[in-house]
Amino acid sequence: MRPRWFRCSLTMALIVGPLLSASGVVSAQARIDFGEREYRSNCAICHGLTGKGDGHLYAVGFLAIKPADLTTLAKANGGVFPFQRVYESIDGRQVAAAHGTADMPIWGTAYRAEGTPLGLYNPEAYVQARILSLTEYLARIQEK
């Protein structure tokens, strides 16, 4: 059983933290953009920091096929960001058999493997949260 001070501190952090953030006391720089962090950690090496498909691995010649420009997904879809299709591409479980294998890593599988040793109560929720934050970030970087 945890000491009382620990429970009180945790309770206060859960209550006061969001209030400070909502009131603007916590600066915008202190907030973490999980989608952007996910993108920079896993996608930028191929798709580039701006999402234009000009990442490091393509620049040095490791990739034979140029990665997709992720900033034009909405434009190519009649102005609507294809949220479900992007989510499924990242997750990797909905690859169309007619298209063969995916060219990019299947992050859903990697996230599941990463979350399982953490002893998470619900590793699937962990995977979904990461993919959702990444998909939402990609929706935000679409060209107007």
Protein backbone atom coordinates (compact mmCIF):
# COMPACT_ATOMS: atom_id res chain seq x y z
CA MET A 1 0.00 0.00 0.00
CA ARG A 2 1.32 3.43 -0.91
CA PRO A 3 1.88 6.08 1.75
CA ARG A 4 -0.85 8.65 2.21
CA TRP A 5 1.39 11.52 1.02
CA PHE A 6 1.87 9.69 -2.28
CA ARG A 7 -1.87 9.29 -2.86
CA CYS A 8 -2.47 12.95 -1.93
CA SER A 9 0.29 14.15 -4.26
CA LEU A 10 -1.01 12.03 -7.10
CA THR A 11 -4.57 13.26 -6.55
CA MET A 12 -3.43 16.89 -6.49
CA ALA A 13 -1.39 16.43 -9.65
CA LEU A 14 -4.37 14.92 -11.44
CA ILE A 15 -6.63 17.78 -10.34
CA VAL A 16 -4.32 20.80 -10.42
CA GLY A 17 -2.29 19.88 -13.53
CA PRO A 18 -5.17 20.12 -16.01
CA LEU A 19 -6.47 23.27 -14.30
CA LEU A 20 -3.11 25.00 -14.65
CA SER A 21 -2.84 23.90 -18.25
CA ALA A 22 -6.38 25.09 -19.07
CA SER A 23 -5.80 28.43 -17.38
CA GLY A 24 -2.69 29.10 -19.46
CA VAL A 25 -0.29 28.90 -16.49
CA VAL A 26 1.56 26.07 -18.20
CA SER A 27 3.22 27.53 -21.27
CA ALA A 28 2.51 26.23 -24.74
CA GLN A 29 6.14 25.09 -24.92
CA ALA A 30 5.63 22.83 -21.90
CA ARG A 31 2.77 20.95 -23.56
CA ILE A 32 3.67 17.78 -25.38
CA ASP A 33 2.30 17.17 -28.86
CA PHE A 34 2.16 13.38 -28.78
CA GLY A 35 1.26 13.13 -32.47
CA GLU A 36 4.22 15.24 -33.53
CA ARG A 37 6.52 13.31 -31.20
CA GLU A 38 5.26 10.04 -32.67
CA TYR A 39 5.81 11.38 -36.19
CA ARG A 40 9.34 12.63 -35.51
CA SER A 41 10.28 9.35 -33.80
CA ASN A 42 8.95 6.95 -36.40
CA CYS A 43 8.06 8.65 -39.66
CA ALA A 44 10.35 11.63 -40.27
CA ILE A 45 13.35 9.49 -41.19
CA CYS A 46 11.58 8.50 -44.40
CA HIS A 47 8.85 11.12 -44.92
CA GLY A 48 10.97 14.10 -43.78
CA LEU A 49 10.40 16.54 -40.93
CA THR A 50 7.79 18.42 -42.94
CA GLY A 51 6.07 15.28 -44.26
CA LYS A 52 6.93 16.02 -47.91
CA GLY A 53 8.55 12.62 -48.54
CA ASP A 54 12.09 13.93 -48.44
CA GLY A 55 13.41 12.09 -45.43
CA HIS A 56 16.97 11.07 -44.68
CA LEU A 57 16.73 7.47 -45.88
CA TYR A 58 15.43 8.60 -49.26
CA ALA A 59 18.05 11.34 -49.52
CA VAL A 60 20.93 8.90 -48.99
CA GLY A 61 19.52 6.38 -51.42
CA PHE A 62 18.42 3.57 -49.09
CA LEU A 63 14.84 3.66 -50.36
CA ALA A 64 14.12 2.75 -53.96
CA ILE A 65 10.63 4.27 -53.90
CA LYS A 66 10.12 7.85 -52.78
CA PRO A 67 8.00 8.01 -49.59
CA ALA A 68 4.58 9.61 -49.92
CA ASP A 69 4.07 13.33 -49.41
CA LEU A 70 1.90 13.15 -46.31
CA THR A 71 0.86 16.81 -46.55
CA THR A 72 -1.27 16.25 -49.67
CA LEU A 73 -3.41 13.32 -48.52
CA ALA A 74 -6.52 15.49 -48.12
CA LYS A 75 -5.96 17.22 -51.46
CA ALA A 76 -5.71 13.84 -53.20
CA ASN A 77 -8.96 12.79 -51.50
CA GLY A 78 -11.20 15.64 -52.66
CA GLY A 79 -10.22 17.95 -49.81
CA VAL A 80 -11.15 15.47 -47.06
CA PHE A 81 -8.45 13.91 -44.93
CA PRO A 82 -8.81 10.09 -45.28
CA PHE A 83 -8.61 9.45 -41.53
CA GLN A 84 -9.65 5.79 -41.53
CA ARG A 85 -7.39 4.85 -44.45
CA VAL A 86 -4.40 6.59 -42.84
CA TYR A 87 -5.11 4.96 -39.47
CA GLU A 88 -5.31 1.53 -41.11
CA SER A 89 -2.11 2.14 -43.08
CA ILE A 90 -0.24 2.95 -39.89
CA ASP A 91 -1.81 0.05 -37.98
CA GLY A 92 -1.00 -2.36 -40.79
CA ARG A 93 -3.81 -4.78 -40.12
CA GLN A 94 -5.96 -3.62 -43.03
CA VAL A 95 -3.51 -4.00 -45.91
CA ALA A 96 -5.44 -4.84 -49.07
CA ALA A 97 -4.33 -8.25 -50.34
CA ALA A 98 -4.40 -7.01 -53.94
CA HIS A 99 -1.80 -4.36 -53.11
CA GLY A 100 0.75 -6.86 -51.87
CA THR A 101 2.90 -6.04 -48.87
CA ALA A 102 3.15 -2.58 -47.38
CA ASP A 103 6.29 -0.60 -48.17
CA MET A 104 6.40 1.04 -44.76
CA PRO A 105 6.81 -0.62 -41.36
CA ILE A 106 3.65 -1.84 -39.67
CA TRP A 107 3.68 0.40 -36.63
CA GLY A 108 0.67 -1.26 -35.00
CA THR A 109 2.66 -4.47 -34.63
CA ALA A 110 5.71 -2.60 -33.32
CA TYR A 111 3.60 -0.63 -30.83
CA ARG A 112 1.95 -3.83 -29.57
CA ALA A 113 5.33 -5.48 -29.04
CA GLU A 114 6.57 -2.38 -27.26
CA GLY A 115 3.51 -2.10 -25.01
CA THR A 116 3.34 -5.72 -23.90
CA PRO A 117 6.56 -5.72 -21.81
CA LEU A 118 5.39 -2.54 -20.10
CA GLY A 119 2.75 -4.64 -18.37
CA LEU A 120 -0.05 -2.37 -19.49
CA TYR A 121 -3.55 -3.25 -18.40
CA ASN A 122 -4.84 -2.72 -21.92
CA PRO A 123 -2.02 -2.78 -24.49
CA GLU A 124 -4.55 -2.41 -27.34
CA ALA A 125 -5.68 0.96 -25.94
CA TYR A 126 -2.01 2.00 -25.79
CA VAL A 127 -1.56 1.12 -29.47
CA GLN A 128 -4.78 2.87 -30.49
CA ALA A 129 -3.82 6.05 -28.62
CA ARG A 130 -0.44 6.21 -30.36
CA ILE A 131 -1.92 5.61 -33.80
CA LEU A 132 -4.76 8.09 -33.20
CA SER A 133 -2.35 10.81 -32.07
CA LEU A 134 -0.17 10.24 -35.12
CA THR A 135 -3.15 10.20 -37.50
CA GLU A 136 -4.50 13.40 -35.95
CA TYR A 137 -1.09 15.05 -36.36
CA LEU A 138 -1.02 14.08 -40.03
CA ALA A 139 -4.49 15.64 -40.43
CA ARG A 140 -3.10 18.89 -38.96
CA ILE A 141 -0.17 19.14 -41.40
CA GLN A 142 -2.31 18.99 -44.54
CA GLU A 143 -1.73 21.67 -47.16
CA LYS A 144 -4.61 24.12 -47.48
